[in-house]
Amino acid sequence: MKPLWDLARLNYEPMREADLADVLALEESVYPHPWSMSNFVDSLNSNYEAWVLRDQNGALLGYFLLMAIVDEAHLLNVAVAAGMQGQGLGRVLLNQAVACARGLGMESVLLEVRPSNERALRIYERYGFKQIGRRKGYYPAANQQREDAIVMRFGI
């Protein structure tokens, strides 16, 4: 399968405080219950692996944040700009996140995903993530309700 993106024309770099306005805008545009600015600031201050993906013109295409714990990396957040979804960028970001985890000496990558986020579930499953559990009432949902999280793992 031919990649949809010429990776040489994309800029992949560590997330900086200067990126946070763009990151938050993207986050708020794609998630019904987005992270807050303080979530991103706290992640940067905690020295989590945080990376942005921009096109050659500097437009933010996506990002991810990864927390290393002992021998497992936890993919805390990953997003692709709404207008760019379905073009292979989610896989590009997953490749980068897994490479980052591997570089840190991790043995696996763990993540949680909403059951209602069917597009993300399909991407993770195609990538090779396996469902290993469920966290009841993990996410906030509409009408003061809670939604479970499907826990998935990818062995490196």
C-alpha atoms as a PDB file:
ATOM      1  CA  MET A   1       0.000   0.000   0.000  1.00  0.00           C
ATOM      2  CA  LYS A   2       1.413   3.371  -0.997  1.00  0.00           C
ATOM      3  CA  PRO A   3       1.586   5.856   1.899  1.00  0.00           C
ATOM      4  CA  LEU A   4      -0.780   8.766   1.600  1.00  0.00           C
ATOM      5  CA  TRP A   5       1.824  11.177   2.962  1.00  0.00           C
ATOM      6  CA  ASP A   6       5.362  11.974   1.966  1.00  0.00           C
ATOM      7  CA  LEU A   7       6.882  11.811   5.447  1.00  0.00           C
ATOM      8  CA  ALA A   8       9.868  13.853   4.312  1.00  0.00           C
ATOM      9  CA  ARG A   9       7.500  16.791   3.824  1.00  0.00           C
ATOM     10  CA  LEU A  10       6.053  16.569   7.333  1.00  0.00           C
ATOM     11  CA  ASN A  11       7.650  18.153  10.382  1.00  0.00           C
ATOM     12  CA  TYR A  12       7.666  15.929  13.462  1.00  0.00           C
ATOM     13  CA  GLU A  13       9.037  17.699  16.517  1.00  0.00           C
ATOM     14  CA  PRO A  14       8.753  17.850  20.307  1.00  0.00           C
ATOM     15  CA  MET A  15       5.721  19.728  21.579  1.00  0.00           C
ATOM     16  CA  ARG A  16       6.647  23.058  23.144  1.00  0.00           C
ATOM     17  CA  GLU A  17       4.681  25.536  25.173  1.00  0.00           C
ATOM     18  CA  ALA A  18       4.429  27.681  22.018  1.00  0.00           C
ATOM     19  CA  ASP A  19       2.476  24.822  20.365  1.00  0.00           C
ATOM     20  CA  LEU A  20      -0.188  24.617  23.049  1.00  0.00           C
ATOM     21  CA  ALA A  21      -2.670  27.122  21.592  1.00  0.00           C
ATOM     22  CA  ASP A  22      -2.744  25.158  18.321  1.00  0.00           C
ATOM     23  CA  VAL A  23      -2.841  21.827  20.156  1.00  0.00           C
ATOM     24  CA  LEU A  24      -5.748  22.921  22.356  1.00  0.00           C
ATOM     25  CA  ALA A  25      -7.684  24.255  19.340  1.00  0.00           C
ATOM     26  CA  LEU A  26      -7.240  20.931  17.535  1.00  0.00           C
ATOM     27  CA  GLU A  27      -8.166  19.000  20.699  1.00  0.00           C
ATOM     28  CA  GLU A  28     -11.356  21.018  21.157  1.00  0.00           C
ATOM     29  CA  SER A  29     -12.307  20.556  17.507  1.00  0.00           C
ATOM     30  CA  VAL A  30     -12.139  16.743  17.529  1.00  0.00           C
ATOM     31  CA  TYR A  31     -13.140  15.596  21.030  1.00  0.00           C
ATOM     32  CA  PRO A  32     -16.523  16.077  22.728  1.00  0.00           C
ATOM     33  CA  HIS A  33     -14.765  16.101  26.135  1.00  0.00           C
ATOM     34  CA  PRO A  34     -11.354  17.618  25.386  1.00  0.00           C
ATOM     35  CA  TRP A  35      -8.347  17.955  27.600  1.00  0.00           C
ATOM     36  CA  SER A  36      -7.894  21.376  29.175  1.00  0.00           C
ATOM     37  CA  MET A  37      -4.926  23.656  28.680  1.00  0.00           C
ATOM     38  CA  SER A  38      -3.763  22.688  32.173  1.00  0.00           C
ATOM     39  CA  ASN A  39      -3.743  18.989  31.172  1.00  0.00           C
ATOM     40  CA  PHE A  40      -1.319  19.789  28.368  1.00  0.00           C
ATOM     41  CA  VAL A  41       0.796  22.138  30.507  1.00  0.00           C
ATOM     42  CA  ASP A  42       1.003  19.522  33.274  1.00  0.00           C
ATOM     43  CA  SER A  43       2.082  16.876  30.738  1.00  0.00           C
ATOM     44  CA  LEU A  44       4.850  19.105  29.404  1.00  0.00           C
ATOM     45  CA  ASN A  45       5.941  20.014  32.939  1.00  0.00           C
ATOM     46  CA  SER A  46       6.052  16.295  33.791  1.00  0.00           C
ATOM     47  CA  ASN A  47       8.413  15.757  30.850  1.00  0.00           C
ATOM     48  CA  TYR A  48       6.105  13.288  29.133  1.00  0.00           C
ATOM     49  CA  GLU A  49       6.962  12.528  25.536  1.00  0.00           C
ATOM     50  CA  ALA A  50       4.847  15.063  23.646  1.00  0.00           C
ATOM     51  CA  TRP A  51       5.174  15.472  19.878  1.00  0.00           C
ATOM     52  CA  VAL A  52       3.462  17.476  17.152  1.00  0.00           C
ATOM     53  CA  LEU A  53       3.137  16.768  13.452  1.00  0.00           C
ATOM     54  CA  ARG A  54       2.953  19.764  11.119  1.00  0.00           C
ATOM     55  CA  ASP A  55       2.850  20.139   7.363  1.00  0.00           C
ATOM     56  CA  GLN A  56       5.522  22.041   5.453  1.00  0.00           C
ATOM     57  CA  ASN A  57       3.536  25.262   5.931  1.00  0.00           C
ATOM     58  CA  GLY A  58       3.450  24.848   9.707  1.00  0.00           C
ATOM     59  CA  ALA A  59      -0.209  23.803  10.026  1.00  0.00           C
ATOM     60  CA  LEU A  60      -0.781  21.399  12.914  1.00  0.00           C
ATOM     61  CA  LEU A  61      -1.896  18.005  11.599  1.00  0.00           C
ATOM     62  CA  GLY A  62      -1.801  16.053  14.842  1.00  0.00           C
ATOM     63  CA  TYR A  63      -0.004  15.247  18.075  1.00  0.00           C
ATOM     64  CA  PHE A  64       0.485  12.623  20.737  1.00  0.00           C
ATOM     65  CA  LEU A  65       1.530  12.449  24.390  1.00  0.00           C
ATOM     66  CA  LEU A  66       3.164   9.385  25.869  1.00  0.00           C
ATOM     67  CA  MET A  67       3.996   8.609  29.497  1.00  0.00           C
ATOM     68  CA  ALA A  68       6.666   5.987  30.258  1.00  0.00           C
ATOM     69  CA  ILE A  69       6.084   3.852  33.357  1.00  0.00           C
ATOM     70  CA  VAL A  70       8.666   1.159  34.174  1.00  0.00           C
ATOM     71  CA  ASP A  71       8.528  -0.970  30.979  1.00  0.00           C
ATOM     72  CA  GLU A  72       5.228   0.228  29.497  1.00  0.00           C
ATOM     73  CA  ALA A  73       4.368   3.435  27.659  1.00  0.00           C
ATOM     74  CA  HIS A  74       0.882   4.850  28.167  1.00  0.00           C
ATOM     75  CA  LEU A  75      -0.469   6.701  25.124  1.00  0.00           C
ATOM     76  CA  LEU A  76      -2.303   9.471  26.957  1.00  0.00           C
ATOM     77  CA  ASN A  77      -3.653  11.427  24.031  1.00  0.00           C
ATOM     78  CA  VAL A  78      -3.439  11.319  20.256  1.00  0.00           C
ATOM     79  CA  ALA A  79      -5.370  13.366  17.719  1.00  0.00           C
ATOM     80  CA  VAL A  80      -5.477  14.187  14.030  1.00  0.00           C
ATOM     81  CA  ALA A  81      -7.008  17.416  12.739  1.00  0.00           C
ATOM     82  CA  ALA A  82     -10.626  16.847  11.703  1.00  0.00           C
ATOM     83  CA  GLY A  83     -10.099  17.832   8.068  1.00  0.00           C
ATOM     84  CA  MET A  84      -7.111  15.500   7.778  1.00  0.00           C
ATOM     85  CA  GLN A  85      -8.651  12.346   9.253  1.00  0.00           C
ATOM     86  CA  GLY A  86      -8.914   9.266   7.063  1.00  0.00           C
ATOM     87  CA  GLN A  87      -5.663  10.034   5.221  1.00  0.00           C
ATOM     88  CA  GLY A  88      -3.240   7.822   7.155  1.00  0.00           C
ATOM     89  CA  LEU A  89      -1.998  10.390   9.648  1.00  0.00           C
ATOM     90  CA  GLY A  90      -3.291   8.411  12.615  1.00  0.00           C
ATOM     91  CA  ARG A  91      -1.021   5.562  11.563  1.00  0.00           C
ATOM     92  CA  VAL A  92       1.876   8.008  11.111  1.00  0.00           C
ATOM     93  CA  LEU A  93       1.370   9.218  14.690  1.00  0.00           C
ATOM     94  CA  LEU A  94       1.054   5.657  16.020  1.00  0.00           C
ATOM     95  CA  ASN A  95       4.281   4.715  14.219  1.00  0.00           C
ATOM     96  CA  GLN A  96       6.001   7.673  15.865  1.00  0.00           C
ATOM     97  CA  ALA A  97       4.548   6.883  19.313  1.00  0.00           C
ATOM     98  CA  VAL A  98       5.650   3.234  19.099  1.00  0.00           C
ATOM     99  CA  ALA A  99       9.103   4.265  17.863  1.00  0.00           C
ATOM    100  CA  CYS A 100       9.337   6.709  20.761  1.00  0.00           C
ATOM    101  CA  ALA A 101       8.326   3.987  23.250  1.00  0.00           C
ATOM    102  CA  ARG A 102      10.819   1.575  21.719  1.00  0.00           C
ATOM    103  CA  GLY A 103      13.548   4.211  22.001  1.00  0.00           C
ATOM    104  CA  LEU A 104      12.738   4.552  25.711  1.00  0.00           C
ATOM    105  CA  GLY A 105      13.182   0.797  26.173  1.00  0.00           C
ATOM    106  CA  MET A 106       9.488   0.089  26.719  1.00  0.00           C
ATOM    107  CA  GLU A 107       8.053  -3.389  26.091  1.00  0.00           C
ATOM    108  CA  SER A 108       4.509  -2.325  25.236  1.00  0.00           C
ATOM    109  CA  VAL A 109       2.172   0.602  24.643  1.00  0.00           C
ATOM    110  CA  LEU A 110      -1.097   0.849  26.583  1.00  0.00           C
ATOM    111  CA  LEU A 111      -4.059   3.088  25.758  1.00  0.00           C
ATOM    112  CA  GLU A 112      -7.717   3.636  26.577  1.00  0.00           C
ATOM    113  CA  VAL A 113     -10.354   4.418  23.979  1.00  0.00           C
ATOM    114  CA  ARG A 114     -14.080   5.079  24.149  1.00  0.00           C
ATOM    115  CA  PRO A 115     -16.263   2.277  22.731  1.00  0.00           C
ATOM    116  CA  SER A 116     -18.156   5.016  20.859  1.00  0.00           C
ATOM    117  CA  ASN A 117     -14.943   6.077  19.070  1.00  0.00           C
ATOM    118  CA  GLU A 118     -15.306   3.394  16.424  1.00  0.00           C
ATOM    119  CA  ARG A 119     -12.882   5.015  13.975  1.00  0.00           C
ATOM    120  CA  ALA A 120     -10.071   5.022  16.562  1.00  0.00           C
ATOM    121  CA  LEU A 121     -10.885   1.444  17.612  1.00  0.00           C
ATOM    122  CA  ARG A 122     -10.545   0.269  13.998  1.00  0.00           C
ATOM    123  CA  ILE A 123      -7.234   2.114  13.600  1.00  0.00           C
ATOM    124  CA  TYR A 124      -5.812   0.605  16.800  1.00  0.00           C
ATOM    125  CA  GLU A 125      -7.003  -2.893  15.928  1.00  0.00           C
ATOM    126  CA  ARG A 126      -5.567  -2.698  12.396  1.00  0.00           C
ATOM    127  CA  TYR A 127      -2.299  -1.483  13.889  1.00  0.00           C
ATOM    128  CA  GLY A 128      -2.147  -4.556  16.139  1.00  0.00           C
ATOM    129  CA  PHE A 129      -3.411  -3.309  19.493  1.00  0.00           C
ATOM    130  CA  LYS A 130      -5.336  -5.974  21.414  1.00  0.00           C
ATOM    131  CA  GLN A 131      -8.185  -5.385  23.844  1.00  0.00           C
ATOM    132  CA  ILE A 132      -7.084  -6.419  27.332  1.00  0.00           C
ATOM    133  CA  GLY A 133      -9.767  -4.949  29.564  1.00  0.00           C
ATOM    134  CA  ARG A 134     -12.410  -2.355  30.253  1.00  0.00           C
ATOM    135  CA  ARG A 135     -12.535   0.517  32.735  1.00  0.00           C
ATOM    136  CA  LYS A 136     -16.143   1.097  33.795  1.00  0.00           C
ATOM    137  CA  GLY A 137     -17.341   4.703  33.767  1.00  0.00           C
ATOM    138  CA  TYR A 138     -13.878   6.014  32.875  1.00  0.00           C
ATOM    139  CA  TYR A 139     -14.810   8.903  30.569  1.00  0.00           C
ATOM    140  CA  PRO A 140     -17.272  11.761  31.013  1.00  0.00           C
ATOM    141  CA  ALA A 141     -20.150  11.536  28.546  1.00  0.00           C
ATOM    142  CA  ALA A 142     -23.228  13.528  27.579  1.00  0.00           C
ATOM    143  CA  ASN A 143     -26.030  14.247  30.043  1.00  0.00           C
ATOM    144  CA  GLN A 144     -23.875  13.791  33.161  1.00  0.00           C
ATOM    145  CA  GLN A 145     -23.306  10.154  32.218  1.00  0.00           C
ATOM    146  CA  ARG A 146     -20.042   8.180  32.083  1.00  0.00           C
ATOM    147  CA  GLU A 147     -18.644   5.992  29.306  1.00  0.00           C
ATOM    148  CA  ASP A 148     -16.423   2.940  29.697  1.00  0.00           C
ATOM    149  CA  ALA A 149     -12.901   2.797  28.311  1.00  0.00           C
ATOM    150  CA  ILE A 150     -11.604  -0.129  26.328  1.00  0.00           C
ATOM    151  CA  VAL A 151      -8.023  -0.826  27.417  1.00  0.00           C
ATOM    152  CA  MET A 152      -5.710  -1.914  24.614  1.00  0.00           C
ATOM    153  CA  ARG A 153      -2.066  -2.980  24.475  1.00  0.00           C
ATOM    154  CA  PHE A 154       0.507  -3.269  21.706  1.00  0.00           C
ATOM    155  CA  GLY A 155       3.634  -5.341  22.320  1.00  0.00           C
ATOM    156  CA  ILE A 156       6.834  -3.857  20.983  1.00  0.00           C
END
